[in-house]
Every structure is written in C-alpha cells, then in structure tokens.
Amino acid sequence: IMIRRAEPGDIKRIMEIVAKVLAEMRASGSDQWSEEYPAESHFRADLASGELYVDESDAIPGLVRGMACINQAESPEYAEVAWSRSGPATVVHRLAVDPECQKQGVASRLFGLADELARQNGSGYLRSDTYSLNPRMNALFAKLGWRRTGVIRFPRRREWFYCWDKELGDGGH
C-alpha cells in the first residue's frame, strides 16, 4: 500500500475518479460535487503546491485508487464555525476514492496521512467538512474519531455541509 505525493501523470486518473464519484453522487441525489467543483484546475493547483496525495495499488502499480488534498488552507466559510480550538489546523480537501476501490481502507489511509502531516507540521489538529447528504463520509469521520462541530453553507449547494475536527491529543501540538 503506497500513499505518495501526486505526480503530473496522475491527473488523468484523478479526473476519471472524480467523474465516477460525481456520477455516484448524482445517482444518490447529492449535488455535493459538480462540473465546476472540483475541477481539473483545483487538482493541478494542489499538485503544484505539493499538497495532493494519492493512494496507489500495490497489486497494480500506477493504479491510483483515491486522492486527497491536505494542507493548512481553510475555506472562508470556516470562520463561522465554533471549532474545538483556534490556531493552525491541517485541513483535508477533495478526498475521493474510486467507487470500484471503496471499502478497502483507501479513505482511512488518506485520513491517516492527514494525522501524520498534522503531527509533522506541529498543528496536531485537523479540520474538514462534508455534505450533509454524504452519509458514508460522515460515518467515516465519526469512526475515525473526528467530532462534528458545526454546519456551513457553500454557494450553489442546496444543503448544509457538516464541519468536523479532530485533536490528536498525543503531544501533536
């Protein structure tokens, strides 16, 4: 199992995953993602800043199964939330797993990387959000020890997004 920084050659596969996930979201009645977000330009910017990570299969070298952007950039909407603490946080964005590779621990491994990066950068604290209509991701946050801290709205989305945070609490500050 290999999680690594994304490379330019991964963008095509990442966009294939986005298309599959978008179709799955639409089929379940969710408008969390659209043609505008996340766009290839978002992933290219994540790649250029060194903040895009992929989970690559051991069995099939080069097969990217999922991805996430992990950095310390927060959406302006986060200012409205009563987070567990103030100060710098490590933030997980645009996490997705190929539907054919789900239930194999890919998302959990990417969240594990976020924990590790939060320890390395000294924040010891994580933040993220997901759509209220995304029951699997909301359940995963809870399973991994995150705490739901509030709700926000994003432009052009009909439902609320749930905000989640996690304090590592093991001297990771």
N, C-alpha and C. Protein backbone atom coordinates (compact mmCIF):
# COMPACT_ATOMS: atom_id res chain seq x y z
N ILE A 1 0.87 -1.17 0.00
CA ILE A 1 0.00 0.00 0.00
C ILE A 1 0.90 1.22 0.00
N MET A 2 0.66 2.06 -0.95
CA MET A 2 1.54 3.21 -1.07
C MET A 2 0.72 4.48 -1.18
N ILE A 3 0.97 5.38 -0.26
CA ILE A 3 0.44 6.73 -0.41
C ILE A 3 1.64 7.61 -0.73
N ARG A 4 1.49 8.40 -1.75
CA ARG A 4 2.58 9.26 -2.20
C ARG A 4 2.03 10.59 -2.67
N ARG A 5 2.96 11.54 -2.85
CA ARG A 5 2.56 12.81 -3.46
C ARG A 5 2.17 12.54 -4.91
N ALA A 6 1.14 13.20 -5.36
CA ALA A 6 0.70 13.04 -6.74
C ALA A 6 1.74 13.59 -7.69
N GLU A 7 1.72 13.05 -8.89
CA GLU A 7 2.62 13.49 -9.97
C GLU A 7 1.75 13.96 -11.14
N PRO A 8 2.32 14.75 -12.06
CA PRO A 8 1.52 15.25 -13.19
C PRO A 8 0.79 14.14 -13.95
N GLY A 9 1.41 12.98 -14.09
CA GLY A 9 0.79 11.87 -14.81
C GLY A 9 -0.44 11.30 -14.12
N ASP A 10 -0.68 11.65 -12.86
CA ASP A 10 -1.84 11.15 -12.11
C ASP A 10 -3.12 11.93 -12.40
N ILE A 11 -3.01 13.11 -12.99
CA ILE A 11 -4.18 13.99 -13.14
C ILE A 11 -5.29 13.32 -13.96
N LYS A 12 -4.94 12.65 -15.06
CA LYS A 12 -5.96 12.00 -15.89
C LYS A 12 -6.74 10.99 -15.04
N ARG A 13 -6.06 10.16 -14.28
CA ARG A 13 -6.73 9.16 -13.44
C ARG A 13 -7.56 9.82 -12.35
N ILE A 14 -7.03 10.88 -11.75
CA ILE A 14 -7.78 11.61 -10.72
C ILE A 14 -9.10 12.13 -11.30
N MET A 15 -9.06 12.66 -12.51
CA MET A 15 -10.28 13.18 -13.12
C MET A 15 -11.24 12.05 -13.49
N GLU A 16 -10.72 10.86 -13.81
CA GLU A 16 -11.59 9.70 -14.02
C GLU A 16 -12.32 9.36 -12.72
N ILE A 17 -11.59 9.39 -11.61
CA ILE A 17 -12.20 9.10 -10.30
C ILE A 17 -13.27 10.14 -9.99
N VAL A 18 -12.96 11.42 -10.24
CA VAL A 18 -13.92 12.49 -9.98
C VAL A 18 -15.20 12.25 -10.79
N ALA A 19 -15.06 11.87 -12.06
CA ALA A 19 -16.23 11.62 -12.91
C ALA A 19 -17.07 10.47 -12.35
N LYS A 20 -16.41 9.40 -11.89
CA LYS A 20 -17.14 8.26 -11.32
C LYS A 20 -17.85 8.65 -10.03
N VAL A 21 -17.14 9.38 -9.17
CA VAL A 21 -17.73 9.80 -7.89
C VAL A 21 -18.89 10.76 -8.13
N LEU A 22 -18.72 11.68 -9.08
CA LEU A 22 -19.79 12.62 -9.41
C LEU A 22 -21.04 11.87 -9.88
N ALA A 23 -20.86 10.86 -10.73
CA ALA A 23 -21.99 10.06 -11.20
C ALA A 23 -22.67 9.34 -10.03
N GLU A 24 -21.85 8.81 -9.11
CA GLU A 24 -22.40 8.12 -7.93
C GLU A 24 -23.18 9.10 -7.05
N MET A 25 -22.64 10.30 -6.86
CA MET A 25 -23.33 11.32 -6.06
C MET A 25 -24.66 11.70 -6.70
N ARG A 26 -24.64 11.94 -8.01
CA ARG A 26 -25.88 12.31 -8.72
C ARG A 26 -26.92 11.21 -8.56
N ALA A 27 -26.49 9.95 -8.69
CA ALA A 27 -27.42 8.81 -8.60
C ALA A 27 -28.07 8.73 -7.22
N SER A 28 -27.36 9.22 -6.20
CA SER A 28 -27.91 9.17 -4.84
C SER A 28 -28.63 10.47 -4.47
N GLY A 29 -28.75 11.41 -5.43
CA GLY A 29 -29.48 12.65 -5.19
C GLY A 29 -28.66 13.75 -4.56
N SER A 30 -27.32 13.60 -4.57
CA SER A 30 -26.45 14.60 -3.95
C SER A 30 -25.86 15.54 -5.00
N ASP A 31 -25.85 16.83 -4.68
CA ASP A 31 -25.20 17.82 -5.55
C ASP A 31 -23.92 18.35 -4.90
N GLN A 32 -23.26 17.50 -4.08
CA GLN A 32 -22.04 17.92 -3.38
C GLN A 32 -20.98 18.38 -4.37
N TRP A 33 -20.74 17.59 -5.41
CA TRP A 33 -19.77 17.95 -6.45
C TRP A 33 -20.51 18.26 -7.74
N SER A 34 -19.84 19.01 -8.62
CA SER A 34 -20.45 19.41 -9.89
C SER A 34 -19.36 19.49 -10.95
N GLU A 35 -19.74 19.93 -12.15
CA GLU A 35 -18.74 20.13 -13.20
C GLU A 35 -17.77 21.25 -12.80
N GLU A 36 -18.22 22.19 -11.96
CA GLU A 36 -17.37 23.31 -11.56
C GLU A 36 -16.44 22.96 -10.40
N TYR A 37 -16.88 22.07 -9.54
CA TYR A 37 -16.07 21.72 -8.36
C TYR A 37 -16.23 20.26 -8.01
N PRO A 38 -15.12 19.56 -7.84
CA PRO A 38 -13.74 20.02 -8.08
C PRO A 38 -13.37 19.87 -9.55
N ALA A 39 -12.71 20.88 -10.07
CA ALA A 39 -12.29 20.89 -11.47
C ALA A 39 -10.82 20.48 -11.58
N GLU A 40 -10.41 20.14 -12.79
CA GLU A 40 -9.02 19.77 -13.00
C GLU A 40 -8.08 20.87 -12.50
N SER A 41 -8.49 22.13 -12.65
CA SER A 41 -7.64 23.25 -12.20
C SER A 41 -7.38 23.19 -10.70
N HIS A 42 -8.35 22.72 -9.91
CA HIS A 42 -8.14 22.58 -8.47
C HIS A 42 -7.03 21.56 -8.18
N PHE A 43 -7.11 20.42 -8.86
CA PHE A 43 -6.12 19.36 -8.63
C PHE A 43 -4.74 19.76 -9.16
N ARG A 44 -4.71 20.50 -10.28
CA ARG A 44 -3.41 20.97 -10.80
C ARG A 44 -2.77 21.96 -9.82
N ALA A 45 -3.58 22.80 -9.20
CA ALA A 45 -3.05 23.74 -8.19
C ALA A 45 -2.56 22.97 -6.96
N ASP A 46 -3.33 21.95 -6.52
CA ASP A 46 -2.91 21.12 -5.39
C ASP A 46 -1.59 20.43 -5.70
N LEU A 47 -1.46 19.93 -6.92
CA LEU A 47 -0.24 19.25 -7.37
C LEU A 47 0.94 20.22 -7.35
N ALA A 48 0.74 21.41 -7.90
CA ALA A 48 1.81 22.41 -7.98
C ALA A 48 2.30 22.82 -6.59
N SER A 49 1.40 22.82 -5.61
CA SER A 49 1.80 23.22 -4.25
C SER A 49 2.30 22.04 -3.43
N GLY A 50 2.32 20.84 -4.02
CA GLY A 50 2.82 19.66 -3.31
C GLY A 50 1.87 19.15 -2.25
N GLU A 51 0.57 19.47 -2.38
CA GLU A 51 -0.42 19.15 -1.34
C GLU A 51 -1.43 18.08 -1.77
N LEU A 52 -1.19 17.46 -2.93
CA LEU A 52 -2.09 16.43 -3.44
C LEU A 52 -1.44 15.06 -3.25
N TYR A 53 -2.18 14.17 -2.61
CA TYR A 53 -1.67 12.84 -2.30
C TYR A 53 -2.58 11.79 -2.93
N VAL A 54 -1.99 10.67 -3.35
CA VAL A 54 -2.75 9.58 -3.94
C VAL A 54 -2.43 8.28 -3.22
N ASP A 55 -3.41 7.38 -3.23
CA ASP A 55 -3.25 6.02 -2.75
C ASP A 55 -3.11 5.15 -3.99
N GLU A 56 -1.96 4.51 -4.11
CA GLU A 56 -1.67 3.69 -5.29
C GLU A 56 -1.67 2.22 -4.91
N SER A 57 -2.25 1.39 -5.76
CA SER A 57 -2.34 -0.05 -5.53
C SER A 57 -0.98 -0.70 -5.56
N ASP A 58 -0.75 -1.65 -4.63
CA ASP A 58 0.45 -2.49 -4.69
C ASP A 58 0.30 -3.52 -5.80
N ALA A 59 -0.90 -4.07 -5.91
CA ALA A 59 -1.15 -5.15 -6.86
C ALA A 59 -1.04 -4.67 -8.31
N ILE A 60 -1.46 -3.44 -8.55
CA ILE A 60 -1.43 -2.89 -9.91
C ILE A 60 -0.67 -1.56 -9.86
N PRO A 61 0.67 -1.62 -9.96
CA PRO A 61 1.46 -0.39 -9.88
C PRO A 61 0.95 0.68 -10.84
N GLY A 62 0.86 1.89 -10.34
CA GLY A 62 0.38 3.01 -11.14
C GLY A 62 -1.12 3.22 -11.06
N LEU A 63 -1.87 2.24 -10.49
CA LEU A 63 -3.31 2.41 -10.37
C LEU A 63 -3.64 3.25 -9.14
N VAL A 64 -4.04 4.49 -9.38
CA VAL A 64 -4.45 5.38 -8.29
C VAL A 64 -5.87 5.01 -7.90
N ARG A 65 -6.07 4.74 -6.59
CA ARG A 65 -7.39 4.33 -6.10
C ARG A 65 -8.15 5.47 -5.45
N GLY A 66 -7.42 6.49 -4.96
CA GLY A 66 -8.07 7.61 -4.29
C GLY A 66 -7.08 8.74 -4.12
N MET A 67 -7.61 9.89 -3.71
CA MET A 67 -6.74 11.06 -3.55
C MET A 67 -7.34 12.01 -2.52
N ALA A 68 -6.48 12.91 -2.04
CA ALA A 68 -6.91 13.98 -1.15
C ALA A 68 -5.89 15.11 -1.22
N CYS A 69 -6.39 16.32 -1.05
CA CYS A 69 -5.52 17.47 -0.85
C CYS A 69 -5.45 17.71 0.65
N ILE A 70 -4.24 17.82 1.18
CA ILE A 70 -4.05 18.04 2.62
C ILE A 70 -3.12 19.23 2.78
N ASN A 71 -3.63 20.28 3.44
CA ASN A 71 -2.83 21.49 3.62
C ASN A 71 -3.33 22.25 4.85
N GLN A 72 -3.01 23.53 4.95
CA GLN A 72 -3.49 24.33 6.07
C GLN A 72 -4.38 25.47 5.60
N ALA A 73 -4.94 25.34 4.40
CA ALA A 73 -5.81 26.37 3.83
C ALA A 73 -7.27 26.07 4.21
N GLU A 74 -7.94 27.07 4.76
CA GLU A 74 -9.33 26.89 5.18
C GLU A 74 -10.27 27.72 4.31
N SER A 75 -11.43 27.15 4.03
CA SER A 75 -12.47 27.89 3.32
C SER A 75 -12.89 29.10 4.16
N PRO A 76 -13.20 30.23 3.53
CA PRO A 76 -13.64 31.40 4.30
C PRO A 76 -14.85 31.08 5.18
N GLU A 77 -15.69 30.16 4.73
CA GLU A 77 -16.89 29.77 5.49
C GLU A 77 -16.53 29.18 6.86
N TYR A 78 -15.31 28.66 7.00
CA TYR A 78 -14.89 28.06 8.28
C TYR A 78 -14.86 29.08 9.41
N ALA A 79 -14.77 30.37 9.08
CA ALA A 79 -14.72 31.41 10.11
C ALA A 79 -15.99 31.44 10.97
N GLU A 80 -17.09 30.90 10.44
CA GLU A 80 -18.38 30.92 11.14
C GLU A 80 -18.54 29.78 12.15
N VAL A 81 -17.59 28.84 12.16
CA VAL A 81 -17.76 27.60 12.93
C VAL A 81 -17.11 27.71 14.31
N ALA A 82 -17.78 27.14 15.31
CA ALA A 82 -17.23 27.07 16.66
C ALA A 82 -16.35 25.82 16.76
N TRP A 83 -15.13 25.92 16.28
CA TRP A 83 -14.20 24.80 16.28
C TRP A 83 -13.77 24.46 17.70
N SER A 84 -13.23 23.27 17.89
CA SER A 84 -12.76 22.84 19.21
C SER A 84 -11.63 23.73 19.73
N ARG A 85 -10.84 24.26 18.82
CA ARG A 85 -9.77 25.18 19.22
C ARG A 85 -9.42 26.10 18.08
N SER A 86 -8.74 27.19 18.42
CA SER A 86 -8.30 28.13 17.40
C SER A 86 -6.86 27.79 17.02
N GLY A 87 -6.33 28.56 16.12
CA GLY A 87 -4.95 28.33 15.71
C GLY A 87 -4.87 27.48 14.46
N PRO A 88 -3.64 27.19 14.04
CA PRO A 88 -3.46 26.47 12.79
C PRO A 88 -4.05 25.06 12.83
N ALA A 89 -4.58 24.65 11.71
CA ALA A 89 -5.15 23.31 11.57
C ALA A 89 -4.68 22.72 10.24
N THR A 90 -4.60 21.41 10.22
CA THR A 90 -4.35 20.69 8.98
C THR A 90 -5.73 20.36 8.41
N VAL A 91 -5.92 20.66 7.12
CA VAL A 91 -7.26 20.56 6.53
C VAL A 91 -7.25 19.54 5.38
N VAL A 92 -8.28 18.70 5.38
CA VAL A 92 -8.44 17.69 4.33
C VAL A 92 -9.49 18.19 3.34
N HIS A 93 -9.11 18.25 2.06
CA HIS A 93 -9.99 18.72 0.99
C HIS A 93 -10.07 17.66 -0.12
N ARG A 94 -11.18 17.64 -0.84
CA ARG A 94 -11.31 16.89 -2.09
C ARG A 94 -10.89 15.43 -1.98
N LEU A 95 -11.22 14.79 -0.87
CA LEU A 95 -10.90 13.37 -0.72
C LEU A 95 -11.93 12.55 -1.50
N ALA A 96 -11.45 11.65 -2.33
CA ALA A 96 -12.35 10.77 -3.08
C ALA A 96 -11.66 9.45 -3.34
N VAL A 97 -12.48 8.40 -3.44
CA VAL A 97 -12.00 7.06 -3.73
C VAL A 97 -12.80 6.52 -4.91
N ASP A 98 -12.10 5.89 -5.85
CA ASP A 98 -12.77 5.25 -6.98
C ASP A 98 -13.84 4.31 -6.42
N PRO A 99 -15.09 4.42 -6.89
CA PRO A 99 -16.14 3.54 -6.38
C PRO A 99 -15.79 2.06 -6.44
N GLU A 100 -14.98 1.66 -7.42
CA GLU A 100 -14.58 0.25 -7.54
C GLU A 100 -13.56 -0.15 -6.47
N CYS A 101 -12.99 0.83 -5.78
CA CYS A 101 -11.96 0.56 -4.77
C CYS A 101 -12.44 0.91 -3.36
N GLN A 102 -13.72 1.24 -3.22
CA GLN A 102 -14.24 1.60 -1.90
C GLN A 102 -14.33 0.37 -1.01
N LYS A 103 -14.38 0.60 0.28
CA LYS A 103 -14.44 -0.45 1.31
C LYS A 103 -13.16 -1.28 1.34
N GLN A 104 -12.03 -0.64 0.95
CA GLN A 104 -10.72 -1.29 1.00
C GLN A 104 -9.75 -0.51 1.88
N GLY A 105 -10.27 0.47 2.64
CA GLY A 105 -9.42 1.24 3.55
C GLY A 105 -8.69 2.41 2.93
N VAL A 106 -9.00 2.74 1.68
CA VAL A 106 -8.29 3.82 0.99
C VAL A 106 -8.51 5.16 1.70
N ALA A 107 -9.77 5.50 1.97
CA ALA A 107 -10.06 6.79 2.64
C ALA A 107 -9.44 6.82 4.03
N SER A 108 -9.53 5.72 4.76
CA SER A 108 -8.93 5.67 6.11
C SER A 108 -7.43 5.89 6.05
N ARG A 109 -6.76 5.33 5.04
CA ARG A 109 -5.31 5.54 4.91
C ARG A 109 -5.00 7.00 4.59
N LEU A 110 -5.81 7.62 3.73
CA LEU A 110 -5.58 9.04 3.41
C LEU A 110 -5.79 9.91 4.65
N PHE A 111 -6.81 9.58 5.47
CA PHE A 111 -7.00 10.31 6.72
C PHE A 111 -5.85 10.05 7.68
N GLY A 112 -5.29 8.84 7.66
CA GLY A 112 -4.12 8.54 8.48
C GLY A 112 -2.93 9.40 8.08
N LEU A 113 -2.77 9.63 6.79
CA LEU A 113 -1.72 10.52 6.32
C LEU A 113 -1.96 11.93 6.85
N ALA A 114 -3.22 12.38 6.84
CA ALA A 114 -3.54 13.72 7.36
C ALA A 114 -3.14 13.82 8.84
N ASP A 115 -3.42 12.75 9.61
CA ASP A 115 -2.99 12.73 11.03
C ASP A 115 -1.48 12.90 11.11
N GLU A 116 -0.76 12.14 10.30
CA GLU A 116 0.71 12.19 10.32
C GLU A 116 1.22 13.58 9.94
N LEU A 117 0.64 14.18 8.91
CA LEU A 117 1.07 15.52 8.49
C LEU A 117 0.76 16.55 9.57
N ALA A 118 -0.36 16.38 10.28
CA ALA A 118 -0.70 17.31 11.38
C ALA A 118 0.32 17.19 12.51
N ARG A 119 0.82 15.98 12.75
CA ARG A 119 1.87 15.81 13.76
C ARG A 119 3.16 16.47 13.28
N GLN A 120 3.51 16.22 12.02
CA GLN A 120 4.76 16.75 11.47
C GLN A 120 4.78 18.27 11.43
N ASN A 121 3.64 18.89 11.09
CA ASN A 121 3.65 20.35 10.97
C ASN A 121 3.39 21.06 12.30
N GLY A 122 3.18 20.27 13.36
CA GLY A 122 3.03 20.83 14.69
C GLY A 122 1.63 21.28 15.06
N SER A 123 0.66 21.19 14.13
CA SER A 123 -0.69 21.64 14.48
C SER A 123 -1.37 20.63 15.41
N GLY A 124 -1.15 19.35 15.18
CA GLY A 124 -1.79 18.31 16.00
C GLY A 124 -3.30 18.39 15.98
N TYR A 125 -3.84 19.02 14.94
CA TYR A 125 -5.26 19.32 14.90
C TYR A 125 -5.72 19.34 13.45
N LEU A 126 -6.89 18.75 13.19
CA LEU A 126 -7.40 18.65 11.83
C LEU A 126 -8.81 19.22 11.72
N ARG A 127 -9.11 19.72 10.52
CA ARG A 127 -10.46 20.20 10.20
C ARG A 127 -10.84 19.72 8.80
N SER A 128 -12.13 19.56 8.61
CA SER A 128 -12.64 19.24 7.28
C SER A 128 -14.15 19.46 7.27
N ASP A 129 -14.76 19.20 6.14
CA ASP A 129 -16.21 19.28 6.04
C ASP A 129 -16.67 18.29 5.00
N THR A 130 -17.92 17.91 5.07
CA THR A 130 -18.53 17.10 4.03
C THR A 130 -20.02 17.41 3.98
N TYR A 131 -20.61 17.06 2.88
CA TYR A 131 -22.01 17.37 2.64
C TYR A 131 -22.90 16.59 3.60
N SER A 132 -23.97 17.23 4.02
CA SER A 132 -24.93 16.54 4.90
C SER A 132 -25.55 15.33 4.18
N LEU A 133 -25.57 15.35 2.83
CA LEU A 133 -26.13 14.24 2.06
C LEU A 133 -25.09 13.18 1.70
N ASN A 134 -23.98 13.14 2.46
CA ASN A 134 -22.91 12.17 2.20
C ASN A 134 -22.77 11.27 3.44
N PRO A 135 -23.71 10.32 3.63
CA PRO A 135 -23.72 9.53 4.86
C PRO A 135 -22.46 8.70 5.08
N ARG A 136 -21.87 8.20 4.01
CA ARG A 136 -20.67 7.36 4.20
C ARG A 136 -19.49 8.17 4.72
N MET A 137 -19.29 9.37 4.17
CA MET A 137 -18.16 10.18 4.65
C MET A 137 -18.43 10.68 6.06
N ASN A 138 -19.65 11.05 6.35
CA ASN A 138 -19.97 11.48 7.72
C ASN A 138 -19.73 10.34 8.71
N ALA A 139 -20.11 9.11 8.33
CA ALA A 139 -19.88 7.95 9.20
C ALA A 139 -18.38 7.68 9.36
N LEU A 140 -17.62 7.88 8.30
CA LEU A 140 -16.17 7.65 8.39
C LEU A 140 -15.51 8.65 9.33
N PHE A 141 -15.89 9.92 9.23
CA PHE A 141 -15.35 10.91 10.17
C PHE A 141 -15.58 10.45 11.61
N ALA A 142 -16.81 10.05 11.92
CA ALA A 142 -17.15 9.62 13.28
C ALA A 142 -16.32 8.39 13.67
N LYS A 143 -16.22 7.42 12.78
CA LYS A 143 -15.46 6.19 13.06
C LYS A 143 -13.99 6.49 13.36
N LEU A 144 -13.43 7.51 12.68
CA LEU A 144 -12.01 7.83 12.83
C LEU A 144 -11.74 8.81 13.98
N GLY A 145 -12.77 9.09 14.78
CA GLY A 145 -12.55 9.91 15.97
C GLY A 145 -12.68 11.40 15.77
N TRP A 146 -13.24 11.82 14.66
CA TRP A 146 -13.49 13.24 14.43
C TRP A 146 -14.77 13.63 15.18
N ARG A 147 -14.90 14.93 15.46
CA ARG A 147 -16.07 15.45 16.18
C ARG A 147 -16.79 16.45 15.27
N ARG A 148 -18.11 16.31 15.17
CA ARG A 148 -18.88 17.26 14.36
C ARG A 148 -19.04 18.55 15.15
N THR A 149 -18.61 19.66 14.54
CA THR A 149 -18.52 20.92 15.27
C THR A 149 -19.50 21.99 14.80
N GLY A 150 -20.09 21.81 13.63
CA GLY A 150 -20.98 22.85 13.14
C GLY A 150 -21.42 22.59 11.73
N VAL A 151 -22.12 23.56 11.18
CA VAL A 151 -22.61 23.46 9.80
C VAL A 151 -22.31 24.76 9.07
N ILE A 152 -22.07 24.64 7.78
CA ILE A 152 -21.84 25.81 6.91
C ILE A 152 -22.58 25.59 5.61
N ARG A 153 -22.70 26.65 4.85
CA ARG A 153 -23.28 26.58 3.51
C ARG A 153 -22.21 27.01 2.51
N PHE A 154 -22.23 26.37 1.36
CA PHE A 154 -21.38 26.80 0.25
C PHE A 154 -22.28 27.30 -0.87
N PRO A 155 -21.81 28.26 -1.65
CA PRO A 155 -22.62 28.81 -2.74
C PRO A 155 -23.08 27.70 -3.70
N ARG A 156 -24.27 27.84 -4.19
CA ARG A 156 -24.84 26.94 -5.20
C ARG A 156 -25.00 25.50 -4.74
N ARG A 157 -25.06 25.26 -3.43
CA ARG A 157 -25.36 23.93 -2.90
C ARG A 157 -26.61 24.05 -2.06
N ARG A 158 -27.55 23.14 -2.26
CA ARG A 158 -28.86 23.31 -1.63
C ARG A 158 -28.88 22.90 -0.16
N GLU A 159 -27.95 22.06 0.26
CA GLU A 159 -27.97 21.56 1.64
C GLU A 159 -26.75 22.04 2.42
N TRP A 160 -26.79 21.77 3.72
CA TRP A 160 -25.71 22.14 4.63
C TRP A 160 -24.51 21.21 4.47
N PHE A 161 -23.36 21.72 4.83
CA PHE A 161 -22.15 20.91 4.97
C PHE A 161 -21.85 20.80 6.46
N TYR A 162 -21.53 19.60 6.91
CA TYR A 162 -21.15 19.38 8.30
C TYR A 162 -19.65 19.59 8.44
N CYS A 163 -19.26 20.33 9.48
CA CYS A 163 -17.85 20.56 9.77
C CYS A 163 -17.40 19.58 10.84
N TRP A 164 -16.21 19.05 10.66
CA TRP A 164 -15.64 18.06 11.55
C TRP A 164 -14.24 18.49 11.95
N ASP A 165 -13.85 18.18 13.19
CA ASP A 165 -12.46 18.40 13.58
C ASP A 165 -11.96 17.27 14.46
N LYS A 166 -10.66 17.23 14.61
CA LYS A 166 -10.02 16.15 15.38
C LYS A 166 -8.76 16.69 16.03
N GLU A 167 -8.69 16.55 17.34
CA GLU A 167 -7.47 16.89 18.07
C GLU A 167 -6.73 15.60 18.30
N LEU A 168 -5.46 15.58 17.91
CA LEU A 168 -4.70 14.34 18.04
C LEU A 168 -4.42 14.03 19.50
N GLY A 169 -4.23 15.07 20.31
CA GLY A 169 -4.18 14.89 21.77
C GLY A 169 -3.05 14.02 22.28
N ASP A 170 -2.08 13.74 21.45
CA ASP A 170 -0.95 12.90 21.91
C ASP A 170 0.36 13.67 21.81
N GLY A 171 0.30 14.93 22.17
CA GLY A 171 1.51 15.75 22.10
C GLY A 171 1.78 16.26 20.68
N GLY A 172 0.79 16.15 19.81
CA GLY A 172 0.98 16.59 18.44
C GLY A 172 0.89 18.09 18.25
N HIS A 173 0.70 18.85 19.34
CA HIS A 173 0.56 20.30 19.20
C HIS A 173 1.90 20.94 18.87
